[in-house]
C-alpha atoms as a PDB file:
ATOM      1  CA  MET A   1    -174.924 -75.844  34.179  1.00  0.00           C
ATOM      2  CA  ASN A   2    -178.652 -76.480  34.336  1.00  0.00           C
ATOM      3  CA  PRO A   3    -179.553 -79.997  33.007  1.00  0.00           C
ATOM      4  CA  GLU A   4    -182.846 -78.534  31.979  1.00  0.00           C
ATOM      5  CA  ASP A   5    -181.178 -75.942  29.325  1.00  0.00           C
ATOM      6  CA  CYS A   6    -179.334 -78.750  28.163  1.00  0.00           C
ATOM      7  CA  VAL A   7    -179.598 -81.266  24.936  1.00  0.00           C
ATOM      8  CA  LEU A   8    -178.089 -84.532  24.129  1.00  0.00           C
ATOM      9  CA  PHE A   9    -177.577 -85.035  20.179  1.00  0.00           C
ATOM     10  CA  SER A  10    -177.094 -88.844  19.809  1.00  0.00           C
ATOM     11  CA  GLY A  11    -178.169 -91.846  17.393  1.00  0.00           C
ATOM     12  CA  ALA A  12    -180.039 -94.252  19.974  1.00  0.00           C
ATOM     13  CA  ALA A  13    -177.736 -97.099  18.809  1.00  0.00           C
ATOM     14  CA  GLY A  14    -177.176 -99.992  21.325  1.00  0.00           C
ATOM     15  CA  GLY A  15    -173.787 -99.506  23.350  1.00  0.00           C
ATOM     16  CA  ALA A  16    -172.389 -96.123  23.850  1.00  0.00           C
ATOM     17  CA  GLU A  17    -175.220 -94.221  22.123  1.00  0.00           C
ATOM     18  CA  ALA A  18    -177.632 -96.057  24.346  1.00  0.00           C
ATOM     19  CA  ALA A  19    -175.012 -95.507  27.312  1.00  0.00           C
ATOM     20  CA  PHE A  20    -175.209 -91.291  26.690  1.00  0.00           C
ATOM     21  CA  GLY A  21    -179.064 -91.289  26.367  1.00  0.00           C
ATOM     22  CA  ALA A  22    -179.540 -93.539  29.653  1.00  0.00           C
ATOM     23  CA  ALA A  23    -177.194 -90.964  31.563  1.00  0.00           C
ATOM     24  CA  ALA A  24    -178.962 -88.188  30.059  1.00  0.00           C
ATOM     25  CA  GLU A  25    -182.255 -89.366  31.255  1.00  0.00           C
ATOM     26  CA  ARG A  26    -181.096 -90.066  34.583  1.00  0.00           C
ATOM     27  CA  GLN A  27    -180.099 -86.249  34.722  1.00  0.00           C
ATOM     28  CA  GLY A  28    -182.961 -84.737  33.028  1.00  0.00           C
ATOM     29  CA  ILE A  29    -181.540 -83.701  30.033  1.00  0.00           C
ATOM     30  CA  ASP A  30    -183.587 -83.560  26.868  1.00  0.00           C
ATOM     31  CA  GLU A  31    -182.357 -86.097  23.891  1.00  0.00           C
ATOM     32  CA  VAL A  32    -182.373 -86.043  20.109  1.00  0.00           C
ATOM     33  CA  ASN A  33    -181.655 -89.249  18.835  1.00  0.00           C
ATOM     34  CA  PHE A  34    -181.111 -88.758  15.054  1.00  0.00           C
ATOM     35  CA  THR A  35    -182.003 -92.097  13.030  1.00  0.00           C
ATOM     36  CA  PHE A  36    -183.589 -93.676   9.655  1.00  0.00           C
ATOM     37  CA  GLU A  37    -186.278 -95.575   8.586  1.00  0.00           C
ATOM     38  CA  GLY A  38    -184.705 -99.246   9.077  1.00  0.00           C
ATOM     39  CA  HIS A  39    -182.441 -98.834  11.801  1.00  0.00           C
ATOM     40  CA  LYS A  40    -182.489-100.866  15.036  1.00  0.00           C
ATOM     41  CA  ASP A  41    -182.768 -98.249  17.708  1.00  0.00           C
ATOM     42  CA  ALA A  42    -182.173 -99.237  21.114  1.00  0.00           C
ATOM     43  CA  ARG A  43    -183.531 -96.021  22.644  1.00  0.00           C
ATOM     44  CA  THR A  44    -186.754 -94.371  22.086  1.00  0.00           C
ATOM     45  CA  ARG A  45    -186.621 -91.112  23.931  1.00  0.00           C
ATOM     46  CA  GLY A  46    -185.958 -88.201  21.792  1.00  0.00           C
ATOM     47  CA  ILE A  47    -186.406 -89.986  18.596  1.00  0.00           C
ATOM     48  CA  ARG A  48    -185.858 -88.155  15.404  1.00  0.00           C
ATOM     49  CA  VAL A  49    -186.430 -89.705  12.054  1.00  0.00           C
ATOM     50  CA  LEU A  50    -184.445 -88.205   9.614  1.00  0.00           C
ATOM     51  CA  THR A  51    -186.260 -87.664   6.123  1.00  0.00           C
ATOM     52  CA  HIS A  52    -184.670 -88.593   2.849  1.00  0.00           C
ATOM     53  CA  GLU A  53    -184.024 -84.887   2.178  1.00  0.00           C
ATOM     54  CA  GLU A  54    -182.430 -84.470   5.930  1.00  0.00           C
ATOM     55  CA  LEU A  55    -180.163 -87.664   5.318  1.00  0.00           C
ATOM     56  CA  ARG A  56    -178.851 -85.850   1.797  1.00  0.00           C
ATOM     57  CA  GLU A  57    -177.945 -82.882   4.206  1.00  0.00           C
ATOM     58  CA  GLY A  58    -175.672 -85.091   5.977  1.00  0.00           C
ATOM     59  CA  ASP A  59    -173.921 -86.880   2.592  1.00  0.00           C
ATOM     60  CA  VAL A  60    -170.582 -87.070   2.283  1.00  0.00           C
ATOM     61  CA  SER A  61    -168.355 -89.158  -0.411  1.00  0.00           C
ATOM     62  CA  LEU A  62    -167.379 -92.508   0.893  1.00  0.00           C
ATOM     63  CA  ALA A  63    -164.074 -92.091  -1.281  1.00  0.00           C
ATOM     64  CA  TYR A  64    -163.091 -88.830   0.784  1.00  0.00           C
ATOM     65  CA  VAL A  65    -164.314 -90.510   3.925  1.00  0.00           C
ATOM     66  CA  SER A  66    -162.299 -93.641   3.316  1.00  0.00           C
ATOM     67  CA  LYS A  67    -159.124 -91.330   2.123  1.00  0.00           C
ATOM     68  CA  LEU A  68    -159.526 -89.388   5.234  1.00  0.00           C
ATOM     69  CA  MET A  69    -159.807 -92.297   7.799  1.00  0.00           C
ATOM     70  CA  HIS A  70    -157.043 -94.220   5.865  1.00  0.00           C
ATOM     71  CA  ARG A  71    -159.232 -97.309   5.439  1.00  0.00           C
ATOM     72  CA  GLN A  72    -161.966 -98.588   2.748  1.00  0.00           C
ATOM     73  CA  TYR A  73    -165.756 -98.570   3.344  1.00  0.00           C
ATOM     74  CA  LYS A  74    -168.115-100.672   1.847  1.00  0.00           C
ATOM     75  CA  ASP A  75    -170.888 -98.465   0.065  1.00  0.00           C
ATOM     76  CA  THR A  76    -174.367 -99.777   1.065  1.00  0.00           C
ATOM     77  CA  PRO A  77    -177.211 -97.897   1.718  1.00  0.00           C
ATOM     78  CA  LEU A  78    -177.143 -98.547   5.578  1.00  0.00           C
ATOM     79  CA  PHE A  79    -173.644 -97.553   6.167  1.00  0.00           C
ATOM     80  CA  ARG A  80    -174.200 -94.402   3.835  1.00  0.00           C
ATOM     81  CA  LYS A  81    -177.578 -93.442   5.903  1.00  0.00           C
ATOM     82  CA  VAL A  82    -175.425 -94.293   9.299  1.00  0.00           C
ATOM     83  CA  LEU A  83    -172.717 -91.828   8.160  1.00  0.00           C
ATOM     84  CA  GLN A  84    -175.422 -89.256   7.217  1.00  0.00           C
ATOM     85  CA  SER A  85    -176.967 -89.495  10.667  1.00  0.00           C
ATOM     86  CA  ILE A  86    -173.724 -89.171  12.255  1.00  0.00           C
ATOM     87  CA  TRP A  87    -173.251 -85.845  10.629  1.00  0.00           C
ATOM     88  CA  HIS A  88    -176.266 -84.719  11.754  1.00  0.00           C
ATOM     89  CA  GLN A  89    -175.386 -85.442  15.466  1.00  0.00           C
ATOM     90  CA  VAL A  90    -171.891 -83.488  15.168  1.00  0.00           C
ATOM     91  CA  ASN A  91    -173.170 -80.905  13.175  1.00  0.00           C
ATOM     92  CA  GLN A  92    -175.948 -80.099  16.364  1.00  0.00           C
ATOM     93  CA  GLY A  93    -173.363 -80.782  19.491  1.00  0.00           C
ATOM     94  CA  GLN A  94    -170.892 -78.039  20.077  1.00  0.00           C
ATOM     95  CA  GLU A  95    -169.098 -80.582  21.931  1.00  0.00           C
ATOM     96  CA  ILE A  96    -168.661 -84.128  20.954  1.00  0.00           C
ATOM     97  CA  TYR A  97    -167.888 -86.868  23.436  1.00  0.00           C
ATOM     98  CA  VAL A  98    -166.954 -90.192  21.834  1.00  0.00           C
ATOM     99  CA  VAL A  99    -166.454 -93.981  23.415  1.00  0.00           C
ATOM    100  CA  GLY A 100    -164.323 -96.105  21.438  1.00  0.00           C
ATOM    101  CA  ARG A 101    -160.709 -96.565  20.283  1.00  0.00           C
ATOM    102  CA  ILE A 102    -158.090 -94.381  19.049  1.00  0.00           C
ATOM    103  CA  LEU A 103    -156.130 -95.907  16.217  1.00  0.00           C
ATOM    104  CA  ARG A 104    -152.236 -95.088  15.654  1.00  0.00           C
ATOM    105  CA  ASP A 105    -153.111 -92.994  12.939  1.00  0.00           C
ATOM    106  CA  ASP A 106    -155.010 -90.606  15.172  1.00  0.00           C
ATOM    107  CA  THR A 107    -158.264 -91.562  13.922  1.00  0.00           C
ATOM    108  CA  VAL A 108    -160.956 -93.318  15.937  1.00  0.00           C
ATOM    109  CA  LYS A 109    -162.237 -96.936  15.023  1.00  0.00           C
ATOM    110  CA  GLY A 110    -165.189 -97.611  13.131  1.00  0.00           C
ATOM    111  CA  GLY A 111    -168.096 -95.737  11.856  1.00  0.00           C
ATOM    112  CA  THR A 112    -167.680 -93.527  14.858  1.00  0.00           C
ATOM    113  CA  GLY A 113    -164.633 -92.251  13.521  1.00  0.00           C
ATOM    114  CA  TRP A 114    -166.321 -90.323  10.926  1.00  0.00           C
ATOM    115  CA  GLY A 115    -168.179 -88.340  13.486  1.00  0.00           C
ATOM    116  CA  ALA A 116    -164.767 -87.741  15.271  1.00  0.00           C
ATOM    117  CA  GLU A 117    -163.110 -86.551  12.160  1.00  0.00           C
ATOM    118  CA  PHE A 118    -165.886 -84.376  11.086  1.00  0.00           C
ATOM    119  CA  ALA A 119    -165.907 -82.745  14.934  1.00  0.00           C
ATOM    120  CA  LYS A 120    -161.980 -82.013  13.780  1.00  0.00           C
ATOM    121  CA  LEU A 121    -162.976 -80.641  10.577  1.00  0.00           C
ATOM    122  CA  CYS A 122    -165.475 -78.186  12.521  1.00  0.00           C
ATOM    123  CA  ASN A 123    -163.148 -77.274  15.149  1.00  0.00           C
ATOM    124  CA  LYS A 124    -165.663 -78.446  17.851  1.00  0.00           C
ATOM    125  CA  PRO A 125    -164.252 -79.495  21.445  1.00  0.00           C
ATOM    126  CA  LEU A 126    -163.859 -83.138  20.886  1.00  0.00           C
ATOM    127  CA  TYR A 127    -163.023 -86.071  23.581  1.00  0.00           C
ATOM    128  CA  VAL A 128    -162.467 -89.289  22.821  1.00  0.00           C
ATOM    129  CA  PHE A 129    -162.508 -91.926  26.111  1.00  0.00           C
ATOM    130  CA  ASP A 130    -160.412 -94.979  24.721  1.00  0.00           C
ATOM    131  CA  GLN A 131    -161.824 -98.210  25.896  1.00  0.00           C
ATOM    132  CA  ASP A 132    -158.313 -99.861  25.547  1.00  0.00           C
ATOM    133  CA  LYS A 133    -156.142 -97.188  27.078  1.00  0.00           C
ATOM    134  CA  GLY A 134    -158.837 -96.557  29.935  1.00  0.00           C
ATOM    135  CA  GLU A 135    -158.413 -93.020  29.530  1.00  0.00           C
ATOM    136  CA  TRP A 136    -159.949 -89.867  27.879  1.00  0.00           C
ATOM    137  CA  PHE A 137    -158.326 -88.017  25.436  1.00  0.00           C
ATOM    138  CA  HIS A 138    -159.166 -84.735  23.870  1.00  0.00           C
ATOM    139  CA  TRP A 139    -157.829 -83.020  20.263  1.00  0.00           C
ATOM    140  CA  THR A 140    -155.855 -80.225  20.179  1.00  0.00           C
ATOM    141  CA  GLY A 141    -156.042 -79.577  16.593  1.00  0.00           C
ATOM    142  CA  GLU A 142    -152.541 -81.375  16.255  1.00  0.00           C
ATOM    143  CA  ALA A 143    -152.477 -84.348  18.358  1.00  0.00           C
ATOM    144  CA  TRP A 144    -154.382 -86.444  20.999  1.00  0.00           C
ATOM    145  CA  ALA A 145    -153.893 -85.257  24.691  1.00  0.00           C
ATOM    146  CA  THR A 146    -154.814 -86.527  27.995  1.00  0.00           C
ATOM    147  CA  GLU A 147    -157.741 -85.329  29.397  1.00  0.00           C
ATOM    148  CA  GLU A 148    -158.091 -86.203  33.350  1.00  0.00           C
ATOM    149  CA  ALA A 149    -161.844 -85.499  33.939  1.00  0.00           C
ATOM    150  CA  PRO A 150    -163.466 -83.769  30.842  1.00  0.00           C
ATOM    151  CA  VAL A 151    -166.540 -82.059  32.037  1.00  0.00           C
ATOM    152  CA  ILE A 152    -169.967 -81.179  29.705  1.00  0.00           C
ATOM    153  CA  THR A 153    -169.351 -77.405  29.371  1.00  0.00           C
ATOM    154  CA  HIS A 154    -172.070 -76.567  26.517  1.00  0.00           C
ATOM    155  CA  PRO A 155    -175.688 -76.865  26.724  1.00  0.00           C
ATOM    156  CA  HIS A 156    -175.960 -78.696  22.995  1.00  0.00           C
ATOM    157  CA  PHE A 157    -173.483 -81.420  23.344  1.00  0.00           C
ATOM    158  CA  ALA A 158    -173.223 -84.794  21.297  1.00  0.00           C
ATOM    159  CA  GLY A 159    -172.564 -88.424  22.523  1.00  0.00           C
ATOM    160  CA  THR A 160    -171.460 -91.015  20.072  1.00  0.00           C
ATOM    161  CA  GLY A 161    -169.187 -94.413  20.261  1.00  0.00           C
ATOM    162  CA  THR A 162    -168.994 -98.094  19.704  1.00  0.00           C
ATOM    163  CA  ARG A 163    -171.719-100.347  19.721  1.00  0.00           C
ATOM    164  CA  PHE A 164    -169.191-102.415  21.829  1.00  0.00           C
ATOM    165  CA  LEU A 165    -169.405-101.071  24.828  1.00  0.00           C
ATOM    166  CA  GLU A 166    -167.197-102.153  27.406  1.00  0.00           C
ATOM    167  CA  PRO A 167    -167.550-101.470  31.565  1.00  0.00           C
ATOM    168  CA  ASN A 168    -164.993 -98.668  31.861  1.00  0.00           C
ATOM    169  CA  GLY A 169    -166.538 -97.106  28.341  1.00  0.00           C
ATOM    170  CA  GLU A 170    -170.328 -97.236  30.452  1.00  0.00           C
ATOM    171  CA  ALA A 171    -168.469 -95.878  33.655  1.00  0.00           C
ATOM    172  CA  ALA A 172    -166.708 -93.167  31.784  1.00  0.00           C
ATOM    173  CA  ILE A 173    -169.874 -91.979  30.197  1.00  0.00           C
ATOM    174  CA  GLU A 174    -171.751 -91.957  33.725  1.00  0.00           C
ATOM    175  CA  ALA A 175    -168.834 -90.094  35.423  1.00  0.00           C
ATOM    176  CA  LEU A 176    -168.751 -87.621  32.729  1.00  0.00           C
ATOM    177  CA  PHE A 177    -172.402 -86.971  33.369  1.00  0.00           C
ATOM    178  CA  GLN A 178    -171.720 -86.800  37.578  1.00  0.00           C
ATOM    179  CA  ARG A 179    -168.936 -84.608  36.905  1.00  0.00           C
ATOM    180  CA  SER A 180    -170.925 -82.222  34.731  1.00  0.00           C
ATOM    181  CA  PHE A 181    -174.526 -82.162  36.297  1.00  0.00           C
ATOM    182  CA  ALA A 182    -174.276 -83.424  39.906  1.00  0.00           C
END
């Protein structure tokens, strides 16, 4: 696949999103980083500030998300906007790559988990690098299965994940781009 034909959809936050963006930039891949007024962005390349109306397109019931994720979320304006911007990332990407931690209930930890669950609901190819296990996994439609070395195969893909990126997570992102575009 030609990097010039590709677009990374992400969120410009520190941690995994910043690492996905930096890897995309090194490969000559365009970025669209969905953000909103007042968000602390770690990347400035490809910034797309969502309007109030666009944020509302990605609105979801926090009661629904809490039930789906088996945990409670506080209904704060900031958290709602984060979920709304994640909706845009997953909605635009045709393959979803996440760095974080898969929990025992098959969800992914943190707000990133909503992106993974939304990808599942949309039946999009979903890959998660679990930093605790040091391995990639893909969602089969019913369970997580080990994925030895995923490769980006669609020109429109999303990269998101934890703000608490560990060295193995950063290395996993870099290796994913090297396998896919080198």
